[in-house]
Amino acid sequence: SAQFAGRPELPHLTLVDSVTGAAHASGAERPSAARE
C-alpha cells in the first residue's frame, strides 16, 4: 500500500481490513482534487 502512496493517477484510498479494522492510506495524497 505504501508503494502506491502518492500516485496522482489514483484516487486517495483508505484500505480497511474488515476483520481487524486496521487501515492503510494509499493512492493520491490529501488534499487533492482526486476522489476519495
PDB file of all heavy atoms in Angstrom:
ATOM      1  N   SER A   1       0.840  -1.204   0.000  1.00  0.00           N
ATOM      2  CA  SER A   1       0.000   0.000   0.000  1.00  0.00           C
ATOM      3  C   SER A   1       0.871   1.249   0.000  1.00  0.00           C
ATOM      4  O   SER A   1       0.539   2.258  -0.643  1.00  0.00           O
ATOM      5  CB  SER A   1      -0.956  -0.001   1.186  1.00  0.00           C
ATOM      6  OG  SER A   1      -0.258  -0.031   2.419  1.00  0.00           O
ATOM      7  N   ALA A   2       2.021   1.198   0.673  1.00  0.00           N
ATOM      8  CA  ALA A   2       2.941   2.335   0.688  1.00  0.00           C
ATOM      9  C   ALA A   2       3.545   2.575  -0.683  1.00  0.00           C
ATOM     10  O   ALA A   2       3.854   3.722  -1.040  1.00  0.00           O
ATOM     11  CB  ALA A   2       4.042   2.098   1.721  1.00  0.00           C
ATOM     12  N   GLN A   3       3.696   1.520  -1.481  1.00  0.00           N
ATOM     13  CA  GLN A   3       4.256   1.680  -2.820  1.00  0.00           C
ATOM     14  C   GLN A   3       3.318   2.465  -3.745  1.00  0.00           C
ATOM     15  O   GLN A   3       3.771   3.097  -4.695  1.00  0.00           O
ATOM     16  CB  GLN A   3       4.566   0.319  -3.441  1.00  0.00           C
ATOM     17  CG  GLN A   3       5.789  -0.365  -2.850  1.00  0.00           C
ATOM     18  CD  GLN A   3       6.144  -1.627  -3.611  1.00  0.00           C
ATOM     19  OE1 GLN A   3       5.689  -2.709  -3.279  1.00  0.00           O
ATOM     20  NE2 GLN A   3       6.954  -1.484  -4.642  1.00  0.00           N
ATOM     21  N   PHE A   4       2.019   2.404  -3.462  1.00  0.00           N
ATOM     22  CA  PHE A   4       1.054   3.146  -4.274  1.00  0.00           C
ATOM     23  C   PHE A   4       0.788   4.544  -3.724  1.00  0.00           C
ATOM     24  O   PHE A   4       0.092   5.333  -4.355  1.00  0.00           O
ATOM     25  CB  PHE A   4      -0.273   2.381  -4.364  1.00  0.00           C
ATOM     26  CG  PHE A   4      -0.224   1.177  -5.263  1.00  0.00           C
ATOM     27  CD1 PHE A   4      -0.422  -0.102  -4.756  1.00  0.00           C
ATOM     28  CD2 PHE A   4       0.031   1.319  -6.621  1.00  0.00           C
ATOM     29  CE1 PHE A   4      -0.384  -1.206  -5.588  1.00  0.00           C
ATOM     30  CE2 PHE A   4       0.074   0.214  -7.465  1.00  0.00           C
ATOM     31  CZ  PHE A   4      -0.137  -1.051  -6.947  1.00  0.00           C
ATOM     32  N   ALA A   5       1.313   4.830  -2.535  1.00  0.00           N
ATOM     33  CA  ALA A   5       1.073   6.140  -1.927  1.00  0.00           C
ATOM     34  C   ALA A   5       1.682   7.243  -2.791  1.00  0.00           C
ATOM     35  O   ALA A   5       2.765   7.095  -3.341  1.00  0.00           O
ATOM     36  CB  ALA A   5       1.657   6.184  -0.523  1.00  0.00           C
ATOM     37  N   GLY A   6       0.945   8.346  -2.901  1.00  0.00           N
ATOM     38  CA  GLY A   6       1.437   9.485  -3.651  1.00  0.00           C
ATOM     39  C   GLY A   6       1.274   9.362  -5.151  1.00  0.00           C
ATOM     40  O   GLY A   6       1.792  10.208  -5.889  1.00  0.00           O
ATOM     41  N   ARG A   7       0.560   8.329  -5.623  1.00  0.00           N
ATOM     42  CA  ARG A   7       0.370   8.165  -7.064  1.00  0.00           C
ATOM     43  C   ARG A   7      -0.807   9.035  -7.506  1.00  0.00           C
ATOM     44  O   ARG A   7      -1.972   8.724  -7.194  1.00  0.00           O
ATOM     45  CB  ARG A   7       0.114   6.699  -7.400  1.00  0.00           C
ATOM     46  CG  ARG A   7       1.232   5.761  -7.008  1.00  0.00           C
ATOM     47  CD  ARG A   7       2.497   5.975  -7.817  1.00  0.00           C
ATOM     48  NE  ARG A   7       2.340   5.576  -9.198  1.00  0.00           N
ATOM     49  CZ  ARG A   7       2.724   4.387  -9.673  1.00  0.00           C
ATOM     50  NH1 ARG A   7       3.282   3.499  -8.872  1.00  0.00           N
ATOM     51  NH2 ARG A   7       2.565   4.100 -10.944  1.00  0.00           N
ATOM     52  N   PRO A   8      -0.562  10.128  -8.224  1.00  0.00           N
ATOM     53  CA  PRO A   8      -1.634  11.064  -8.566  1.00  0.00           C
ATOM     54  C   PRO A   8      -2.673  10.493  -9.516  1.00  0.00           C
ATOM     55  O   PRO A   8      -3.783  11.018  -9.608  1.00  0.00           O
ATOM     56  CB  PRO A   8      -0.881  12.235  -9.213  1.00  0.00           C
ATOM     57  CG  PRO A   8       0.388  11.627  -9.736  1.00  0.00           C
ATOM     58  CD  PRO A   8       0.745  10.561  -8.746  1.00  0.00           C
ATOM     59  N   GLU A   9      -2.344   9.421 -10.234  1.00  0.00           N
ATOM     60  CA  GLU A   9      -3.314   8.837 -11.159  1.00  0.00           C
ATOM     61  C   GLU A   9      -4.384   8.023 -10.436  1.00  0.00           C
ATOM     62  O   GLU A   9      -5.368   7.593 -11.051  1.00  0.00           O
ATOM     63  CB  GLU A   9      -2.610   7.966 -12.208  1.00  0.00           C
ATOM     64  CG  GLU A   9      -1.933   6.715 -11.665  1.00  0.00           C
ATOM     65  CD  GLU A   9      -0.484   6.916 -11.273  1.00  0.00           C
ATOM     66  OE1 GLU A   9      -0.176   7.961 -10.666  1.00  0.00           O
ATOM     67  OE2 GLU A   9       0.321   6.013 -11.553  1.00  0.00           O
ATOM     68  N   LEU A  10      -4.204   7.826  -9.138  1.00  0.00           N
ATOM     69  CA  LEU A  10      -5.173   7.096  -8.336  1.00  0.00           C
ATOM     70  C   LEU A  10      -5.974   8.055  -7.462  1.00  0.00           C
ATOM     71  O   LEU A  10      -5.499   9.153  -7.134  1.00  0.00           O
ATOM     72  CB  LEU A  10      -4.462   6.089  -7.421  1.00  0.00           C
ATOM     73  CG  LEU A  10      -3.793   4.888  -8.084  1.00  0.00           C
ATOM     74  CD1 LEU A  10      -2.997   4.106  -7.050  1.00  0.00           C
ATOM     75  CD2 LEU A  10      -4.820   3.998  -8.758  1.00  0.00           C
ATOM     76  N   PRO A  11      -7.180   7.650  -7.058  1.00  0.00           N
ATOM     77  CA  PRO A  11      -7.860   8.421  -6.010  1.00  0.00           C
ATOM     78  C   PRO A  11      -7.141   8.200  -4.690  1.00  0.00           C
ATOM     79  O   PRO A  11      -6.266   7.333  -4.584  1.00  0.00           O
ATOM     80  CB  PRO A  11      -9.268   7.802  -5.986  1.00  0.00           C
ATOM     81  CG  PRO A  11      -9.080   6.418  -6.496  1.00  0.00           C
ATOM     82  CD  PRO A  11      -7.968   6.488  -7.516  1.00  0.00           C
ATOM     83  N   HIS A  12      -7.477   8.987  -3.686  1.00  0.00           N
ATOM     84  CA  HIS A  12      -6.955   8.699  -2.351  1.00  0.00           C
ATOM     85  C   HIS A  12      -7.689   7.464  -1.843  1.00  0.00           C
ATOM     86  O   HIS A  12      -8.924   7.403  -1.842  1.00  0.00           O
ATOM     87  CB  HIS A  12      -7.193   9.863  -1.394  1.00  0.00           C
ATOM     88  CG  HIS A  12      -6.694   9.578  -0.018  1.00  0.00           C
ATOM     89  ND1 HIS A  12      -5.360   9.702   0.330  1.00  0.00           N
ATOM     90  CD2 HIS A  12      -7.340   9.122   1.091  1.00  0.00           C
ATOM     91  CE1 HIS A  12      -5.219   9.349   1.592  1.00  0.00           C
ATOM     92  NE2 HIS A  12      -6.397   8.988   2.073  1.00  0.00           N
ATOM     93  N   LEU A  13      -6.934   6.463  -1.421  1.00  0.00           N
ATOM     94  CA  LEU A  13      -7.500   5.188  -0.990  1.00  0.00           C
ATOM     95  C   LEU A  13      -7.280   4.969   0.494  1.00  0.00           C
ATOM     96  O   LEU A  13      -6.173   5.172   1.009  1.00  0.00           O
ATOM     97  CB  LEU A  13      -6.853   4.024  -1.759  1.00  0.00           C
ATOM     98  CG  LEU A  13      -6.977   4.033  -3.279  1.00  0.00           C
ATOM     99  CD1 LEU A  13      -6.113   2.926  -3.880  1.00  0.00           C
ATOM    100  CD2 LEU A  13      -8.429   3.851  -3.690  1.00  0.00           C
ATOM    101  N   THR A  14      -8.332   4.548   1.176  1.00  0.00           N
ATOM    102  CA  THR A  14      -8.209   4.055   2.542  1.00  0.00           C
ATOM    103  C   THR A  14      -8.556   2.575   2.496  1.00  0.00           C
ATOM    104  O   THR A  14      -9.693   2.201   2.185  1.00  0.00           O
ATOM    105  CB  THR A  14      -9.151   4.787   3.507  1.00  0.00           C
ATOM    106  OG1 THR A  14      -8.845   6.190   3.482  1.00  0.00           O
ATOM    107  CG2 THR A  14      -8.979   4.270   4.923  1.00  0.00           C
ATOM    108  N   LEU A  15      -7.569   1.746   2.747  1.00  0.00           N
ATOM    109  CA  LEU A  15      -7.741   0.296   2.687  1.00  0.00           C
ATOM    110  C   LEU A  15      -8.013  -0.217   4.092  1.00  0.00           C
ATOM    111  O   LEU A  15      -7.178  -0.062   4.976  1.00  0.00           O
ATOM    112  CB  LEU A  15      -6.484  -0.356   2.111  1.00  0.00           C
ATOM    113  CG  LEU A  15      -5.992   0.238   0.787  1.00  0.00           C
ATOM    114  CD1 LEU A  15      -4.608  -0.300   0.446  1.00  0.00           C
ATOM    115  CD2 LEU A  15      -6.977  -0.072  -0.337  1.00  0.00           C
ATOM    116  N   VAL A  16      -9.175  -0.828   4.292  1.00  0.00           N
ATOM    117  CA  VAL A  16      -9.604  -1.222   5.634  1.00  0.00           C
ATOM    118  C   VAL A  16      -9.768  -2.737   5.713  1.00  0.00           C
ATOM    119  O   VAL A  16     -10.508  -3.339   4.926  1.00  0.00           O
ATOM    120  CB  VAL A  16     -10.927  -0.531   6.014  1.00  0.00           C
ATOM    121  CG1 VAL A  16     -11.349  -0.948   7.429  1.00  0.00           C
ATOM    122  CG2 VAL A  16     -10.803   0.981   5.916  1.00  0.00           C
ATOM    123  N   ASP A  17      -9.076  -3.338   6.663  1.00  0.00           N
ATOM    124  CA  ASP A  17      -9.224  -4.763   6.949  1.00  0.00           C
ATOM    125  C   ASP A  17     -10.571  -4.957   7.645  1.00  0.00           C
ATOM    126  O   ASP A  17     -10.789  -4.468   8.756  1.00  0.00           O
ATOM    127  CB  ASP A  17      -8.074  -5.220   7.851  1.00  0.00           C
ATOM    128  CG  ASP A  17      -8.107  -6.700   8.181  1.00  0.00           C
ATOM    129  OD1 ASP A  17      -9.169  -7.336   8.032  1.00  0.00           O
ATOM    130  OD2 ASP A  17      -7.070  -7.219   8.624  1.00  0.00           O
ATOM    131  N   SER A  18     -11.459  -5.686   6.998  1.00  0.00           N
ATOM    132  CA  SER A  18     -12.814  -5.853   7.536  1.00  0.00           C
ATOM    133  C   SER A  18     -12.855  -6.718   8.784  1.00  0.00           C
ATOM    134  O   SER A  18     -13.863  -6.733   9.498  1.00  0.00           O
ATOM    135  CB  SER A  18     -13.726  -6.462   6.460  1.00  0.00           C
ATOM    136  OG  SER A  18     -13.200  -7.700   6.003  1.00  0.00           O
ATOM    137  N   VAL A  19     -11.784  -7.420   9.081  1.00  0.00           N
ATOM    138  CA  VAL A  19     -11.744  -8.269  10.269  1.00  0.00           C
ATOM    139  C   VAL A  19     -11.192  -7.509  11.474  1.00  0.00           C
ATOM    140  O   VAL A  19     -11.786  -7.511  12.552  1.00  0.00           O
ATOM    141  CB  VAL A  19     -10.900  -9.538  10.005  1.00  0.00           C
ATOM    142  CG1 VAL A  19     -10.776 -10.375  11.274  1.00  0.00           C
ATOM    143  CG2 VAL A  19     -11.524 -10.356   8.884  1.00  0.00           C
ATOM    144  N   THR A  20     -10.073  -6.830  11.277  1.00  0.00           N
ATOM    145  CA  THR A  20      -9.413  -6.156  12.404  1.00  0.00           C
ATOM    146  C   THR A  20      -9.687  -4.656  12.467  1.00  0.00           C
ATOM    147  O   THR A  20      -9.469  -4.032  13.505  1.00  0.00           O
ATOM    148  CB  THR A  20      -7.885  -6.343  12.329  1.00  0.00           C
ATOM    149  OG1 THR A  20      -7.387  -5.641  11.175  1.00  0.00           O
ATOM    150  CG2 THR A  20      -7.528  -7.821  12.212  1.00  0.00           C
ATOM    151  N   GLY A  21     -10.135  -4.083  11.361  1.00  0.00           N
ATOM    152  CA  GLY A  21     -10.344  -2.637  11.305  1.00  0.00           C
ATOM    153  C   GLY A  21      -9.084  -1.854  11.005  1.00  0.00           C
ATOM    154  O   GLY A  21      -9.131  -0.622  10.892  1.00  0.00           O
ATOM    155  N   ALA A  22      -7.943  -2.519  10.871  1.00  0.00           N
ATOM    156  CA  ALA A  22      -6.689  -1.831  10.551  1.00  0.00           C
ATOM    157  C   ALA A  22      -6.815  -1.157   9.191  1.00  0.00           C
ATOM    158  O   ALA A  22      -7.415  -1.704   8.260  1.00  0.00           O
ATOM    159  CB  ALA A  22      -5.532  -2.819  10.537  1.00  0.00           C
ATOM    160  N   ALA A  23      -6.259   0.059   9.078  1.00  0.00           N
ATOM    161  CA  ALA A  23      -6.404   0.836   7.848  1.00  0.00           C
ATOM    162  C   ALA A  23      -5.043   1.282   7.330  1.00  0.00           C
ATOM    163  O   ALA A  23      -4.106   1.547   8.108  1.00  0.00           O
ATOM    164  CB  ALA A  23      -7.293   2.051   8.089  1.00  0.00           C
ATOM    165  N   HIS A  24      -4.933   1.366   6.005  1.00  0.00           N
ATOM    166  CA  HIS A  24      -3.732   1.851   5.341  1.00  0.00           C
ATOM    167  C   HIS A  24      -4.141   2.891   4.315  1.00  0.00           C
ATOM    168  O   HIS A  24      -5.065   2.665   3.529  1.00  0.00           O
ATOM    169  CB  HIS A  24      -2.991   0.702   4.634  1.00  0.00           C
ATOM    170  CG  HIS A  24      -2.535  -0.388   5.543  1.00  0.00           C
ATOM    171  ND1 HIS A  24      -1.350  -0.337   6.225  1.00  0.00           N
ATOM    172  CD2 HIS A  24      -3.139  -1.552   5.888  1.00  0.00           C
ATOM    173  CE1 HIS A  24      -1.213  -1.438   6.947  1.00  0.00           C
ATOM    174  NE2 HIS A  24      -2.288  -2.197   6.765  1.00  0.00           N
ATOM    175  N   ALA A  25      -3.459   4.025   4.319  1.00  0.00           N
ATOM    176  CA  ALA A  25      -3.699   5.065   3.322  1.00  0.00           C
ATOM    177  C   ALA A  25      -2.820   4.792   2.114  1.00  0.00           C
ATOM    178  O   ALA A  25      -1.659   4.395   2.239  1.00  0.00           O
ATOM    179  CB  ALA A  25      -3.398   6.441   3.892  1.00  0.00           C
ATOM    180  N   SER A  26      -3.383   5.005   0.922  1.00  0.00           N
ATOM    181  CA  SER A  26      -2.638   4.787  -0.294  1.00  0.00           C
ATOM    182  C   SER A  26      -3.195   5.690  -1.382  1.00  0.00           C
ATOM    183  O   SER A  26      -4.123   6.472  -1.153  1.00  0.00           O
ATOM    184  CB  SER A  26      -2.723   3.313  -0.716  1.00  0.00           C
ATOM    185  OG  SER A  26      -1.757   2.993  -1.690  1.00  0.00           O
ATOM    186  N   GLY A  27      -2.615   5.601  -2.570  1.00  0.00           N
ATOM    187  CA  GLY A  27      -3.086   6.419  -3.670  1.00  0.00           C
ATOM    188  C   GLY A  27      -2.683   7.868  -3.523  1.00  0.00           C
ATOM    189  O   GLY A  27      -1.697   8.203  -2.858  1.00  0.00           O
ATOM    190  N   ALA A  28      -3.458   8.759  -4.149  1.00  0.00           N
ATOM    191  CA  ALA A  28      -3.144  10.185  -4.160  1.00  0.00           C
ATOM    192  C   ALA A  28      -3.125  10.749  -2.744  1.00  0.00           C
ATOM    193  O   ALA A  28      -3.835  10.281  -1.849  1.00  0.00           O
ATOM    194  CB  ALA A  28      -4.169  10.932  -5.011  1.00  0.00           C
ATOM    195  N   GLU A  29      -2.303  11.761  -2.563  1.00  0.00           N
ATOM    196  CA  GLU A  29      -2.200  12.401  -1.259  1.00  0.00           C
ATOM    197  C   GLU A  29      -3.407  13.305  -1.006  1.00  0.00           C
ATOM    198  O   GLU A  29      -4.039  13.797  -1.915  1.00  0.00           O
ATOM    199  CB  GLU A  29      -0.923  13.249  -1.177  1.00  0.00           C
ATOM    200  CG  GLU A  29       0.365  12.456  -1.337  1.00  0.00           C
ATOM    201  CD  GLU A  29       0.673  11.577  -0.136  1.00  0.00           C
ATOM    202  OE1 GLU A  29       0.001  11.729   0.900  1.00  0.00           O
ATOM    203  OE2 GLU A  29       1.596  10.752  -0.250  1.00  0.00           O
ATOM    204  N   ARG A  30      -3.722  13.519   0.256  1.00  0.00           N
ATOM    205  CA  ARG A  30      -4.707  14.527   0.646  1.00  0.00           C
ATOM    206  C   ARG A  30      -3.981  15.839   0.930  1.00  0.00           C
ATOM    207  O   ARG A  30      -2.860  15.809   1.447  1.00  0.00           O
ATOM    208  CB  ARG A  30      -5.434  14.107   1.930  1.00  0.00           C
ATOM    209  CG  ARG A  30      -6.511  13.080   1.769  1.00  0.00           C
ATOM    210  CD  ARG A  30      -7.333  13.077   3.067  1.00  0.00           C
ATOM    211  NE  ARG A  30      -8.361  12.076   3.089  1.00  0.00           N
ATOM    212  CZ  ARG A  30      -8.369  11.015   3.882  1.00  0.00           C
ATOM    213  NH1 ARG A  30      -7.381  10.829   4.736  1.00  0.00           N
ATOM    214  NH2 ARG A  30      -9.357  10.161   3.859  1.00  0.00           N
ATOM    215  N   PRO A  31      -4.594  17.015   0.746  1.00  0.00           N
ATOM    216  CA  PRO A  31      -5.832  17.184  -0.015  1.00  0.00           C
ATOM    217  C   PRO A  31      -5.533  17.252  -1.498  1.00  0.00           C
ATOM    218  O   PRO A  31      -4.441  17.640  -1.891  1.00  0.00           O
ATOM    219  CB  PRO A  31      -6.358  18.528   0.496  1.00  0.00           C
ATOM    220  CG  PRO A  31      -5.123  19.276   0.842  1.00  0.00           C
ATOM    221  CD  PRO A  31      -4.104  18.265   1.327  1.00  0.00           C
ATOM    222  N   SER A  32      -6.454  16.895  -2.311  1.00  0.00           N
ATOM    223  CA  SER A  32      -6.270  16.966  -3.753  1.00  0.00           C
ATOM    224  C   SER A  32      -7.635  16.925  -4.402  1.00  0.00           C
ATOM    225  O   SER A  32      -8.669  16.740  -3.746  1.00  0.00           O
ATOM    226  CB  SER A  32      -5.423  15.797  -4.247  1.00  0.00           C
ATOM    227  OG  SER A  32      -6.173  14.598  -4.239  1.00  0.00           O
ATOM    228  N   ALA A  33      -7.634  17.066  -5.690  1.00  0.00           N
ATOM    229  CA  ALA A  33      -8.891  17.015  -6.426  1.00  0.00           C
ATOM    230  C   ALA A  33      -9.310  15.576  -6.702  1.00  0.00           C
ATOM    231  O   ALA A  33     -10.380  15.337  -7.248  1.00  0.00           O
ATOM    232  CB  ALA A  33      -8.751  17.774  -7.745  1.00  0.00           C
ATOM    233  N   ALA A  34      -8.458  14.647  -6.326  1.00  0.00           N
ATOM    234  CA  ALA A  34      -8.767  13.248  -6.590  1.00  0.00           C
ATOM    235  C   ALA A  34      -9.930  12.783  -5.733  1.00  0.00           C
ATOM    236  O   ALA A  34     -10.194  13.296  -4.651  1.00  0.00           O
ATOM    237  CB  ALA A  34      -7.536  12.395  -6.309  1.00  0.00           C
ATOM    238  N   ARG A  35     -10.612  11.791  -6.237  1.00  0.00           N
ATOM    239  CA  ARG A  35     -11.680  11.175  -5.447  1.00  0.00           C
ATOM    240  C   ARG A  35     -11.086  10.510  -4.209  1.00  0.00           C
ATOM    241  O   ARG A  35      -9.903  10.210  -4.157  1.00  0.00           O
ATOM    242  CB  ARG A  35     -12.393  10.113  -6.277  1.00  0.00           C
ATOM    243  CG  ARG A  35     -13.177  10.640  -7.456  1.00  0.00           C
ATOM    244  CD  ARG A  35     -13.756   9.485  -8.244  1.00  0.00           C
ATOM    245  NE  ARG A  35     -12.693   8.636  -8.788  1.00  0.00           N
ATOM    246  CZ  ARG A  35     -12.793   7.317  -8.953  1.00  0.00           C
ATOM    247  NH1 ARG A  35     -13.875   6.681  -8.557  1.00  0.00           N
ATOM    248  NH2 ARG A  35     -11.810   6.630  -9.477  1.00  0.00           N
ATOM    249  N   GLU A  36     -11.940  10.274  -3.238  1.00  0.00           N
ATOM    250  CA  GLU A  36     -11.531   9.523  -2.056  1.00  0.00           C
ATOM    251  C   GLU A  36     -12.388   8.279  -1.959  1.00  0.00           C
ATOM    252  O   GLU A  36     -13.620   8.360  -1.988  1.00  0.00           O
ATOM    253  CB  GLU A  36     -11.678  10.391  -0.800  1.00  0.00           C
ATOM    254  CG  GLU A  36     -10.744  11.586  -0.794  1.00  0.00           C
ATOM    255  CD  GLU A  36     -10.664  12.247   0.568  1.00  0.00           C
ATOM    256  OE1 GLU A  36     -11.133  11.638   1.546  1.00  0.00           O
ATOM    257  OE2 GLU A  36     -10.116  13.354   0.648  1.00  0.00           O
TER     258      GLU A  36
END
